[in-house]
Amino acid sequence: MAFLNATTAPSFDDRLAALVSTFDARRKQRRVYRATFNELSSLSNRDLADLGISRSQIRSVALETGRNAA
């Protein structure tokens, strides 16, 4: 018995659409990261403590929030 596997490479349009989609998702993630980082940075140490976040955790919290935005 013979099998035929016909595969085609993605077209240029498909690759371009995927690239644009990835770019848009990363831009959205970056926007959410910056907004979160700026908002948390503007809080006082006491406000951050009320949230259970230390000042050294601001970057990691903002990164995680940005990753979850897409």
C-alpha atoms as a PDB file:
ATOM      1  CA  MET A   1       0.000   0.000   0.000  1.00  0.00           C
ATOM      2  CA  ALA A   2       1.318   3.441  -0.866  1.00  0.00           C
ATOM      3  CA  PHE A   3       0.885   6.619   1.099  1.00  0.00           C
ATOM      4  CA  LEU A   4       1.122  10.138  -0.162  1.00  0.00           C
ATOM      5  CA  ASN A   5       2.072  12.936   2.177  1.00  0.00           C
ATOM      6  CA  ALA A   6       1.516  16.279   0.554  1.00  0.00           C
ATOM      7  CA  THR A   7       2.889  19.090   2.658  1.00  0.00           C
ATOM      8  CA  THR A   8       3.248  22.662   1.632  1.00  0.00           C
ATOM      9  CA  ALA A   9       5.250  25.375   3.261  1.00  0.00           C
ATOM     10  CA  PRO A  10       3.294  28.303   4.677  1.00  0.00           C
ATOM     11  CA  SER A  11       2.838  31.054   2.135  1.00  0.00           C
ATOM     12  CA  PHE A  12       4.485  34.420   2.484  1.00  0.00           C
ATOM     13  CA  ASP A  13       1.140  35.941   3.481  1.00  0.00           C
ATOM     14  CA  ASP A  14       0.694  33.356   6.243  1.00  0.00           C
ATOM     15  CA  ARG A  15       4.173  34.012   7.594  1.00  0.00           C
ATOM     16  CA  LEU A  16       3.651  37.768   7.446  1.00  0.00           C
ATOM     17  CA  ALA A  17       0.308  37.482   9.247  1.00  0.00           C
ATOM     18  CA  ALA A  18       1.938  35.371  11.974  1.00  0.00           C
ATOM     19  CA  LEU A  19       4.732  37.919  12.337  1.00  0.00           C
ATOM     20  CA  VAL A  20       2.289  40.819  12.643  1.00  0.00           C
ATOM     21  CA  SER A  21       0.203  38.869  15.152  1.00  0.00           C
ATOM     22  CA  THR A  22       3.269  38.128  17.277  1.00  0.00           C
ATOM     23  CA  PHE A  23       4.360  41.759  17.106  1.00  0.00           C
ATOM     24  CA  ASP A  24       0.931  42.984  18.219  1.00  0.00           C
ATOM     25  CA  ALA A  25       0.796  40.514  21.115  1.00  0.00           C
ATOM     26  CA  ARG A  26       4.250  41.525  22.346  1.00  0.00           C
ATOM     27  CA  ARG A  27       3.403  45.207  22.028  1.00  0.00           C
ATOM     28  CA  LYS A  28       0.294  44.638  24.152  1.00  0.00           C
ATOM     29  CA  GLN A  29       2.358  42.711  26.725  1.00  0.00           C
ATOM     30  CA  ARG A  30       4.908  45.526  26.868  1.00  0.00           C
ATOM     31  CA  ARG A  31       2.170  48.134  27.326  1.00  0.00           C
ATOM     32  CA  VAL A  32       0.646  46.200  30.226  1.00  0.00           C
ATOM     33  CA  TYR A  33       4.117  45.652  31.743  1.00  0.00           C
ATOM     34  CA  ARG A  34       4.969  49.370  31.614  1.00  0.00           C
ATOM     35  CA  ALA A  35       1.596  50.427  33.045  1.00  0.00           C
ATOM     36  CA  THR A  36       1.863  47.913  35.891  1.00  0.00           C
ATOM     37  CA  PHE A  37       5.484  48.801  36.614  1.00  0.00           C
ATOM     38  CA  ASN A  38       4.764  52.535  36.679  1.00  0.00           C
ATOM     39  CA  GLU A  39       1.677  52.112  38.839  1.00  0.00           C
ATOM     40  CA  LEU A  40       3.433  49.914  41.405  1.00  0.00           C
ATOM     41  CA  SER A  41       6.513  52.139  41.432  1.00  0.00           C
ATOM     42  CA  SER A  42       4.400  55.150  42.301  1.00  0.00           C
ATOM     43  CA  LEU A  43       3.034  53.468  45.450  1.00  0.00           C
ATOM     44  CA  SER A  44       4.607  54.029  48.830  1.00  0.00           C
ATOM     45  CA  ASN A  45       6.361  51.234  50.701  1.00  0.00           C
ATOM     46  CA  ARG A  46       3.409  51.041  53.063  1.00  0.00           C
ATOM     47  CA  ASP A  47       0.902  50.642  50.214  1.00  0.00           C
ATOM     48  CA  LEU A  48       3.094  47.954  48.663  1.00  0.00           C
ATOM     49  CA  ALA A  49       3.287  46.156  52.012  1.00  0.00           C
ATOM     50  CA  ASP A  50      -0.521  46.209  52.203  1.00  0.00           C
ATOM     51  CA  LEU A  51      -0.560  44.419  48.835  1.00  0.00           C
ATOM     52  CA  GLY A  52       2.059  41.940  50.014  1.00  0.00           C
ATOM     53  CA  ILE A  53       4.663  43.165  47.524  1.00  0.00           C
ATOM     54  CA  SER A  54       8.129  44.417  48.337  1.00  0.00           C
ATOM     55  CA  ARG A  55       9.767  47.076  46.185  1.00  0.00           C
ATOM     56  CA  SER A  56      12.237  44.476  44.859  1.00  0.00           C
ATOM     57  CA  GLN A  57       9.336  42.394  43.494  1.00  0.00           C
ATOM     58  CA  ILE A  58       7.822  45.143  41.341  1.00  0.00           C
ATOM     59  CA  ARG A  59       9.667  44.095  38.186  1.00  0.00           C
ATOM     60  CA  SER A  60       8.762  40.420  38.485  1.00  0.00           C
ATOM     61  CA  VAL A  61       5.106  41.206  39.247  1.00  0.00           C
ATOM     62  CA  ALA A  62       4.938  43.525  36.225  1.00  0.00           C
ATOM     63  CA  LEU A  63       6.590  40.921  33.982  1.00  0.00           C
ATOM     64  CA  GLU A  64       4.144  38.230  35.072  1.00  0.00           C
ATOM     65  CA  THR A  65       1.196  40.565  34.527  1.00  0.00           C
ATOM     66  CA  GLY A  66       2.470  41.435  31.054  1.00  0.00           C
ATOM     67  CA  ARG A  67       2.912  37.784  30.097  1.00  0.00           C
ATOM     68  CA  ASN A  68      -0.644  37.003  31.159  1.00  0.00           C
ATOM     69  CA  ALA A  69      -2.059  39.893  29.119  1.00  0.00           C
ATOM     70  CA  ALA A  70      -1.784  38.228  25.732  1.00  0.00           C
END
